[in-house]
Amino acid sequence: MTQFMGTFTGKLDRKGRVSVPAAFRGALERLGTLELVLRRSHRDACVEAWPLPTFETMAAGLEQLDVFSDALDDLSLSLFADAFPLRPDGEGRVVLPEDLISHAGLTEAVTFMGAGRSFQIWEPEAARQRAEAARQRARERGLTIPAPRPAGGA
């Protein structure tokens, strides 16, 4: 499974363009796609960036919800209303929509943080604080990653 790892800081120009870090573009290439879905996070003041196939797989889970349920309506709007499909240009740049720039409070400097299956785009100080808060909560809760189960179940 290809994962987005690392933290990188770049510059956002006046036209809303920013270069996707080379490591993240490489991860996209390993996935066989350059297409991304950018969306405002419904949990944090950041922009989430999902490879299109991963986003589609995640969104397919909505099909398990009742068609006219509040859960489906709320999750569908949270996922799709502020989502922008795009692909980096030949130089690896994407244009961030103004709505996403505003949501994340982005100015000239932006921080890209790997989040495994996706990556996030943050205002740099907010990114630092969020990563530190995540590490602190993981320590306080004694969180660990479950060990992989052996093949054949045992």
N, C-alpha and C. Protein backbone atom coordinates (compact mmCIF):
# COMPACT_ATOMS: atom_id res chain seq x y z
N MET A 1 0.84 -1.18 0.00
CA MET A 1 0.00 0.00 0.00
C MET A 1 0.88 1.24 0.00
N THR A 2 0.68 2.11 -0.95
CA THR A 2 1.43 3.36 -1.02
C THR A 2 0.90 4.31 0.03
N GLN A 3 1.83 4.95 0.73
CA GLN A 3 1.43 5.89 1.76
C GLN A 3 2.13 7.21 1.58
N PHE A 4 1.45 8.25 2.02
CA PHE A 4 2.02 9.59 2.02
C PHE A 4 2.68 9.79 3.37
N MET A 5 4.00 10.02 3.35
CA MET A 5 4.76 10.16 4.58
C MET A 5 5.59 11.43 4.52
N GLY A 6 5.79 12.04 5.68
CA GLY A 6 6.66 13.20 5.80
C GLY A 6 5.89 14.50 5.91
N THR A 7 6.64 15.54 6.22
CA THR A 7 6.11 16.89 6.34
C THR A 7 6.99 17.81 5.52
N PHE A 8 6.38 18.62 4.68
CA PHE A 8 7.10 19.50 3.77
C PHE A 8 6.44 20.87 3.77
N THR A 9 7.24 21.91 3.69
CA THR A 9 6.69 23.26 3.62
C THR A 9 7.02 23.86 2.26
N GLY A 10 6.02 24.50 1.68
CA GLY A 10 6.19 25.13 0.38
C GLY A 10 5.56 26.51 0.37
N LYS A 11 5.51 27.11 -0.78
CA LYS A 11 4.98 28.47 -0.92
C LYS A 11 3.73 28.46 -1.80
N LEU A 12 2.77 29.24 -1.37
CA LEU A 12 1.53 29.45 -2.11
C LEU A 12 1.67 30.79 -2.82
N ASP A 13 1.52 30.80 -4.15
CA ASP A 13 1.66 32.07 -4.85
C ASP A 13 0.32 32.83 -4.89
N ARG A 14 0.35 34.03 -5.44
CA ARG A 14 -0.84 34.89 -5.45
C ARG A 14 -1.99 34.30 -6.25
N LYS A 15 -1.69 33.39 -7.17
CA LYS A 15 -2.74 32.76 -7.97
C LYS A 15 -3.29 31.50 -7.31
N GLY A 16 -2.81 31.19 -6.11
CA GLY A 16 -3.29 30.01 -5.39
C GLY A 16 -2.58 28.73 -5.79
N ARG A 17 -1.44 28.86 -6.49
CA ARG A 17 -0.70 27.67 -6.91
C ARG A 17 0.32 27.27 -5.85
N VAL A 18 0.47 25.97 -5.70
CA VAL A 18 1.47 25.42 -4.79
C VAL A 18 1.98 24.12 -5.41
N SER A 19 3.24 23.83 -5.20
CA SER A 19 3.83 22.60 -5.72
C SER A 19 3.61 21.46 -4.75
N VAL A 20 3.04 20.38 -5.25
CA VAL A 20 2.89 19.17 -4.44
C VAL A 20 4.30 18.60 -4.25
N PRO A 21 4.70 18.27 -3.01
CA PRO A 21 6.05 17.74 -2.79
C PRO A 21 6.35 16.54 -3.68
N ALA A 22 7.59 16.46 -4.14
CA ALA A 22 8.01 15.37 -5.03
C ALA A 22 7.72 14.00 -4.41
N ALA A 23 7.92 13.86 -3.11
CA ALA A 23 7.65 12.56 -2.46
C ALA A 23 6.18 12.18 -2.60
N PHE A 24 5.28 13.16 -2.52
CA PHE A 24 3.86 12.87 -2.64
C PHE A 24 3.48 12.59 -4.09
N ARG A 25 4.10 13.30 -5.03
CA ARG A 25 3.86 13.01 -6.44
C ARG A 25 4.35 11.60 -6.77
N GLY A 26 5.46 11.19 -6.18
CA GLY A 26 5.96 9.83 -6.37
C GLY A 26 4.99 8.80 -5.83
N ALA A 27 4.39 9.08 -4.68
CA ALA A 27 3.40 8.16 -4.12
C ALA A 27 2.20 8.04 -5.04
N LEU A 28 1.78 9.16 -5.62
CA LEU A 28 0.66 9.13 -6.57
C LEU A 28 1.02 8.29 -7.79
N GLU A 29 2.23 8.46 -8.30
CA GLU A 29 2.66 7.68 -9.46
C GLU A 29 2.66 6.18 -9.14
N ARG A 30 3.11 5.82 -7.93
CA ARG A 30 3.09 4.40 -7.53
C ARG A 30 1.67 3.86 -7.46
N LEU A 31 0.71 4.74 -7.18
CA LEU A 31 -0.70 4.35 -7.18
C LEU A 31 -1.27 4.27 -8.59
N GLY A 32 -0.53 4.78 -9.56
CA GLY A 32 -0.99 4.75 -10.95
C GLY A 32 -1.94 5.88 -11.30
N THR A 33 -1.90 6.97 -10.54
CA THR A 33 -2.78 8.11 -10.83
C THR A 33 -2.09 9.40 -10.43
N LEU A 34 -2.43 10.47 -11.08
CA LEU A 34 -2.02 11.80 -10.65
C LEU A 34 -3.23 12.61 -10.21
N GLU A 35 -4.41 12.00 -10.35
CA GLU A 35 -5.64 12.70 -10.02
C GLU A 35 -5.86 12.73 -8.51
N LEU A 36 -6.20 13.92 -8.04
CA LEU A 36 -6.46 14.14 -6.62
C LEU A 36 -7.87 14.68 -6.42
N VAL A 37 -8.38 14.50 -5.23
CA VAL A 37 -9.58 15.19 -4.79
C VAL A 37 -9.16 16.01 -3.57
N LEU A 38 -9.28 17.33 -3.70
CA LEU A 38 -9.01 18.21 -2.57
C LEU A 38 -10.35 18.56 -1.94
N ARG A 39 -10.38 18.56 -0.62
CA ARG A 39 -11.61 18.89 0.07
C ARG A 39 -11.29 19.55 1.40
N ARG A 40 -12.21 20.36 1.87
CA ARG A 40 -12.03 20.93 3.20
C ARG A 40 -12.27 19.81 4.21
N SER A 41 -11.39 19.72 5.18
CA SER A 41 -11.57 18.74 6.24
C SER A 41 -12.78 19.13 7.06
N HIS A 42 -13.60 18.15 7.44
CA HIS A 42 -14.72 18.46 8.33
C HIS A 42 -14.32 18.28 9.79
N ARG A 43 -13.04 17.96 10.03
CA ARG A 43 -12.53 17.80 11.40
C ARG A 43 -11.55 18.88 11.80
N ASP A 44 -10.75 19.36 10.85
CA ASP A 44 -9.69 20.32 11.15
C ASP A 44 -9.69 21.45 10.13
N ALA A 45 -8.99 22.52 10.48
CA ALA A 45 -8.84 23.66 9.57
C ALA A 45 -7.69 23.38 8.61
N CYS A 46 -7.91 22.42 7.73
CA CYS A 46 -6.90 22.06 6.74
C CYS A 46 -7.60 21.57 5.49
N VAL A 47 -6.79 21.37 4.45
CA VAL A 47 -7.27 20.80 3.19
C VAL A 47 -6.82 19.36 3.14
N GLU A 48 -7.74 18.45 2.86
CA GLU A 48 -7.38 17.05 2.66
C GLU A 48 -7.16 16.81 1.18
N ALA A 49 -6.15 16.02 0.86
CA ALA A 49 -5.86 15.66 -0.53
C ALA A 49 -5.88 14.14 -0.63
N TRP A 50 -6.81 13.62 -1.41
CA TRP A 50 -6.99 12.18 -1.57
C TRP A 50 -6.69 11.77 -3.01
N PRO A 51 -5.93 10.70 -3.22
CA PRO A 51 -5.85 10.16 -4.58
C PRO A 51 -7.26 9.77 -5.01
N LEU A 52 -7.62 10.07 -6.25
CA LEU A 52 -8.99 9.81 -6.71
C LEU A 52 -9.45 8.38 -6.44
N PRO A 53 -8.65 7.34 -6.75
CA PRO A 53 -9.15 5.98 -6.49
C PRO A 53 -9.42 5.72 -5.00
N THR A 54 -8.60 6.27 -4.12
CA THR A 54 -8.80 6.09 -2.68
C THR A 54 -10.06 6.82 -2.23
N PHE A 55 -10.27 8.03 -2.75
CA PHE A 55 -11.47 8.80 -2.43
C PHE A 55 -12.72 8.05 -2.88
N GLU A 56 -12.67 7.49 -4.09
CA GLU A 56 -13.83 6.76 -4.61
C GLU A 56 -14.12 5.52 -3.76
N THR A 57 -13.08 4.82 -3.33
CA THR A 57 -13.27 3.64 -2.47
C THR A 57 -13.90 4.05 -1.14
N MET A 58 -13.39 5.13 -0.55
CA MET A 58 -13.94 5.62 0.71
C MET A 58 -15.40 6.02 0.53
N ALA A 59 -15.69 6.77 -0.52
CA ALA A 59 -17.05 7.26 -0.75
C ALA A 59 -18.02 6.12 -1.05
N ALA A 60 -17.52 5.01 -1.57
CA ALA A 60 -18.41 3.87 -1.85
C ALA A 60 -19.07 3.35 -0.59
N GLY A 61 -18.47 3.58 0.55
CA GLY A 61 -19.08 3.18 1.81
C GLY A 61 -20.42 3.85 2.07
N LEU A 62 -20.65 4.98 1.43
CA LEU A 62 -21.94 5.67 1.58
C LEU A 62 -23.10 4.83 1.07
N GLU A 63 -22.81 3.91 0.14
CA GLU A 63 -23.86 3.08 -0.43
C GLU A 63 -24.50 2.16 0.61
N GLN A 64 -23.87 1.99 1.74
CA GLN A 64 -24.41 1.15 2.81
C GLN A 64 -25.45 1.88 3.65
N LEU A 65 -25.57 3.19 3.46
CA LEU A 65 -26.52 3.98 4.24
C LEU A 65 -27.86 4.08 3.53
N ASP A 66 -28.90 4.26 4.30
CA ASP A 66 -30.24 4.42 3.73
C ASP A 66 -30.29 5.68 2.87
N VAL A 67 -30.95 5.57 1.72
CA VAL A 67 -30.96 6.64 0.72
C VAL A 67 -31.42 7.98 1.27
N PHE A 68 -32.45 8.02 2.07
CA PHE A 68 -32.97 9.29 2.54
C PHE A 68 -32.63 9.57 4.00
N SER A 69 -31.60 8.94 4.50
CA SER A 69 -31.24 9.11 5.92
C SER A 69 -30.46 10.40 6.14
N ASP A 70 -30.57 10.91 7.37
CA ASP A 70 -29.78 12.08 7.75
C ASP A 70 -28.29 11.77 7.67
N ALA A 71 -27.91 10.55 8.04
CA ALA A 71 -26.50 10.17 8.01
C ALA A 71 -25.96 10.27 6.59
N LEU A 72 -26.71 9.76 5.62
CA LEU A 72 -26.26 9.83 4.22
C LEU A 72 -26.18 11.28 3.76
N ASP A 73 -27.21 12.07 4.07
CA ASP A 73 -27.20 13.47 3.66
C ASP A 73 -26.01 14.21 4.25
N ASP A 74 -25.79 14.04 5.56
CA ASP A 74 -24.71 14.75 6.23
C ASP A 74 -23.34 14.32 5.71
N LEU A 75 -23.12 13.02 5.59
CA LEU A 75 -21.82 12.55 5.12
C LEU A 75 -21.59 12.88 3.65
N SER A 76 -22.63 12.77 2.83
CA SER A 76 -22.48 13.11 1.41
C SER A 76 -22.09 14.57 1.23
N LEU A 77 -22.80 15.45 1.93
CA LEU A 77 -22.45 16.87 1.82
C LEU A 77 -21.07 17.15 2.38
N SER A 78 -20.71 16.49 3.48
CA SER A 78 -19.38 16.69 4.05
C SER A 78 -18.28 16.24 3.10
N LEU A 79 -18.54 15.17 2.37
CA LEU A 79 -17.53 14.66 1.44
C LEU A 79 -17.49 15.41 0.12
N PHE A 80 -18.64 15.69 -0.47
CA PHE A 80 -18.69 16.15 -1.85
C PHE A 80 -18.90 17.64 -2.06
N ALA A 81 -19.56 18.32 -1.15
CA ALA A 81 -19.93 19.72 -1.41
C ALA A 81 -18.72 20.62 -1.58
N ASP A 82 -17.66 20.35 -0.86
CA ASP A 82 -16.46 21.18 -0.93
C ASP A 82 -15.28 20.41 -1.49
N ALA A 83 -15.55 19.47 -2.39
CA ALA A 83 -14.50 18.65 -2.98
C ALA A 83 -14.18 19.15 -4.39
N PHE A 84 -12.90 19.15 -4.72
CA PHE A 84 -12.44 19.66 -6.00
C PHE A 84 -11.50 18.64 -6.64
N PRO A 85 -11.93 17.96 -7.70
CA PRO A 85 -11.02 17.05 -8.40
C PRO A 85 -10.03 17.85 -9.25
N LEU A 86 -8.79 17.44 -9.25
CA LEU A 86 -7.78 18.10 -10.05
C LEU A 86 -6.56 17.21 -10.20
N ARG A 87 -5.62 17.65 -11.00
CA ARG A 87 -4.36 16.93 -11.15
C ARG A 87 -3.24 17.97 -11.24
N PRO A 88 -2.07 17.65 -10.69
CA PRO A 88 -0.95 18.59 -10.79
C PRO A 88 -0.59 18.85 -12.25
N ASP A 89 -0.11 20.07 -12.53
CA ASP A 89 0.34 20.39 -13.88
C ASP A 89 1.71 19.73 -14.12
N GLY A 90 2.32 20.00 -15.25
CA GLY A 90 3.59 19.39 -15.62
C GLY A 90 4.72 19.70 -14.66
N GLU A 91 4.58 20.77 -13.88
CA GLU A 91 5.60 21.15 -12.91
C GLU A 91 5.23 20.70 -11.49
N GLY A 92 4.16 19.93 -11.37
CA GLY A 92 3.76 19.42 -10.06
C GLY A 92 2.93 20.37 -9.23
N ARG A 93 2.42 21.44 -9.85
CA ARG A 93 1.64 22.42 -9.10
C ARG A 93 0.14 22.16 -9.22
N VAL A 94 -0.56 22.54 -8.16
CA VAL A 94 -2.02 22.54 -8.18
C VAL A 94 -2.48 23.94 -7.82
N VAL A 95 -3.67 24.29 -8.28
CA VAL A 95 -4.28 25.56 -7.91
C VAL A 95 -5.32 25.26 -6.84
N LEU A 96 -5.11 25.84 -5.66
CA LEU A 96 -6.06 25.64 -4.57
C LEU A 96 -7.22 26.61 -4.73
N PRO A 97 -8.45 26.11 -4.70
CA PRO A 97 -9.60 27.01 -4.76
C PRO A 97 -9.61 27.95 -3.55
N GLU A 98 -10.07 29.16 -3.76
CA GLU A 98 -10.10 30.17 -2.70
C GLU A 98 -10.85 29.69 -1.46
N ASP A 99 -11.93 28.94 -1.65
CA ASP A 99 -12.69 28.42 -0.52
C ASP A 99 -11.81 27.55 0.38
N LEU A 100 -10.96 26.73 -0.23
CA LEU A 100 -10.09 25.86 0.56
C LEU A 100 -8.97 26.66 1.22
N ILE A 101 -8.43 27.65 0.51
CA ILE A 101 -7.40 28.52 1.09
C ILE A 101 -7.95 29.21 2.33
N SER A 102 -9.15 29.72 2.23
CA SER A 102 -9.79 30.42 3.34
C SER A 102 -10.06 29.47 4.51
N HIS A 103 -10.60 28.30 4.21
CA HIS A 103 -10.92 27.32 5.26
C HIS A 103 -9.70 26.98 6.09
N ALA A 104 -8.55 26.80 5.43
CA ALA A 104 -7.33 26.39 6.13
C ALA A 104 -6.51 27.58 6.63
N GLY A 105 -6.94 28.79 6.35
CA GLY A 105 -6.20 29.97 6.79
C GLY A 105 -4.81 30.05 6.16
N LEU A 106 -4.72 29.65 4.88
CA LEU A 106 -3.42 29.62 4.22
C LEU A 106 -3.02 31.00 3.75
N THR A 107 -1.73 31.27 3.87
CA THR A 107 -1.18 32.51 3.34
C THR A 107 -0.02 32.12 2.42
N GLU A 108 1.14 32.70 2.60
CA GLU A 108 2.25 32.44 1.69
C GLU A 108 2.89 31.07 1.89
N ALA A 109 3.10 30.66 3.12
CA ALA A 109 3.73 29.36 3.40
C ALA A 109 2.64 28.34 3.72
N VAL A 110 2.82 27.12 3.21
CA VAL A 110 1.89 26.04 3.48
C VAL A 110 2.69 24.79 3.84
N THR A 111 2.11 23.97 4.70
CA THR A 111 2.76 22.73 5.11
C THR A 111 1.94 21.55 4.64
N PHE A 112 2.61 20.61 4.00
CA PHE A 112 2.01 19.35 3.56
C PHE A 112 2.38 18.30 4.60
N MET A 113 1.38 17.60 5.13
CA MET A 113 1.64 16.53 6.09
C MET A 113 1.08 15.23 5.56
N GLY A 114 1.94 14.21 5.53
CA GLY A 114 1.48 12.89 5.12
C GLY A 114 0.54 12.32 6.15
N ALA A 115 -0.52 11.66 5.69
CA ALA A 115 -1.50 11.05 6.59
C ALA A 115 -1.84 9.63 6.11
N GLY A 116 -0.82 8.92 5.63
CA GLY A 116 -1.04 7.55 5.17
C GLY A 116 -1.69 7.51 3.81
N ARG A 117 -2.99 7.23 3.77
CA ARG A 117 -3.71 7.11 2.50
C ARG A 117 -3.97 8.44 1.82
N SER A 118 -3.77 9.52 2.54
CA SER A 118 -4.01 10.86 2.01
C SER A 118 -2.93 11.79 2.56
N PHE A 119 -3.01 13.06 2.16
CA PHE A 119 -2.15 14.06 2.81
C PHE A 119 -2.98 15.30 3.08
N GLN A 120 -2.44 16.16 3.91
CA GLN A 120 -3.15 17.36 4.32
C GLN A 120 -2.31 18.58 4.03
N ILE A 121 -2.99 19.71 3.80
CA ILE A 121 -2.33 20.98 3.55
C ILE A 121 -2.77 21.94 4.66
N TRP A 122 -1.78 22.49 5.36
CA TRP A 122 -2.03 23.28 6.56
C TRP A 122 -1.30 24.62 6.51
N GLU A 123 -1.76 25.54 7.32
CA GLU A 123 -0.98 26.72 7.69
C GLU A 123 0.13 26.15 8.58
N PRO A 124 1.40 26.54 8.38
CA PRO A 124 2.52 25.87 9.05
C PRO A 124 2.43 25.77 10.58
N GLU A 125 2.09 26.82 11.26
CA GLU A 125 2.03 26.75 12.73
C GLU A 125 0.88 25.87 13.18
N ALA A 126 -0.23 25.93 12.49
CA ALA A 126 -1.37 25.05 12.81
C ALA A 126 -0.98 23.59 12.60
N ALA A 127 -0.20 23.31 11.56
CA ALA A 127 0.27 21.94 11.29
C ALA A 127 1.14 21.44 12.44
N ARG A 128 2.07 22.28 12.87
CA ARG A 128 2.95 21.91 13.97
C ARG A 128 2.14 21.60 15.23
N GLN A 129 1.18 22.47 15.53
CA GLN A 129 0.36 22.27 16.72
C GLN A 129 -0.49 21.01 16.62
N ARG A 130 -1.05 20.76 15.44
CA ARG A 130 -1.90 19.56 15.25
C ARG A 130 -1.10 18.29 15.40
N ALA A 131 0.11 18.25 14.82
CA ALA A 131 0.95 17.05 14.94
C ALA A 131 1.35 16.82 16.39
N GLU A 132 1.71 17.88 17.08
CA GLU A 132 2.09 17.73 18.50
C GLU A 132 0.90 17.27 19.33
N ALA A 133 -0.28 17.82 19.08
CA ALA A 133 -1.47 17.41 19.82
C ALA A 133 -1.78 15.93 19.57
N ALA A 134 -1.61 15.48 18.32
CA ALA A 134 -1.86 14.07 18.00
C ALA A 134 -0.88 13.16 18.75
N ARG A 135 0.40 13.55 18.77
CA ARG A 135 1.39 12.74 19.50
C ARG A 135 1.07 12.71 20.99
N GLN A 136 0.68 13.85 21.54
CA GLN A 136 0.34 13.93 22.97
C GLN A 136 -0.86 13.05 23.30
N ARG A 137 -1.92 13.12 22.49
CA ARG A 137 -3.10 12.29 22.75
C ARG A 137 -2.77 10.81 22.62
N ALA A 138 -1.94 10.46 21.63
CA ALA A 138 -1.54 9.05 21.46
C ALA A 138 -0.80 8.57 22.71
N ARG A 139 0.10 9.40 23.25
CA ARG A 139 0.82 9.03 24.49
C ARG A 139 -0.14 8.89 25.65
N GLU A 140 -1.02 9.88 25.84
CA GLU A 140 -1.95 9.86 26.97
C GLU A 140 -2.89 8.66 26.92
N ARG A 141 -3.32 8.29 25.75
CA ARG A 141 -4.24 7.16 25.60
C ARG A 141 -3.53 5.82 25.51
N GLY A 142 -2.20 5.85 25.42
CA GLY A 142 -1.45 4.61 25.28
C GLY A 142 -1.78 3.89 23.98
N LEU A 143 -2.02 4.66 22.91
CA LEU A 143 -2.42 4.06 21.64
C LEU A 143 -1.28 3.27 21.03
N THR A 144 -1.62 2.14 20.47
CA THR A 144 -0.67 1.33 19.71
C THR A 144 -1.36 0.86 18.44
N ILE A 145 -0.57 0.39 17.51
CA ILE A 145 -1.12 -0.12 16.25
C ILE A 145 -1.29 -1.63 16.40
N PRO A 146 -2.47 -2.16 16.11
CA PRO A 146 -2.66 -3.61 16.22
C PRO A 146 -1.68 -4.35 15.31
N ALA A 147 -1.17 -5.47 15.80
CA ALA A 147 -0.26 -6.29 15.00
C ALA A 147 -1.04 -6.93 13.86
N PRO A 148 -0.42 -7.08 12.70
CA PRO A 148 -1.10 -7.74 11.57
C PRO A 148 -1.45 -9.19 11.97
N ARG A 149 -2.58 -9.62 11.49
CA ARG A 149 -3.01 -11.00 11.76
C ARG A 149 -2.32 -11.94 10.78
N PRO A 150 -1.89 -13.09 11.25
CA PRO A 150 -1.24 -14.04 10.33
C PRO A 150 -2.24 -14.54 9.28
N ALA A 151 -1.72 -14.84 8.09
CA ALA A 151 -2.56 -15.37 7.02
C ALA A 151 -3.18 -16.69 7.49
N GLY A 152 -4.41 -16.92 7.15
CA GLY A 152 -5.09 -18.15 7.54
C GLY A 152 -5.78 -18.05 8.90
N GLY A 153 -5.62 -16.89 9.56
CA GLY A 153 -6.27 -16.66 10.85
C GLY A 153 -5.80 -17.62 11.91
N ALA A 154 -5.36 -17.13 12.99
CA ALA A 154 -4.92 -18.00 14.09
C ALA A 154 -5.10 -17.31 15.40
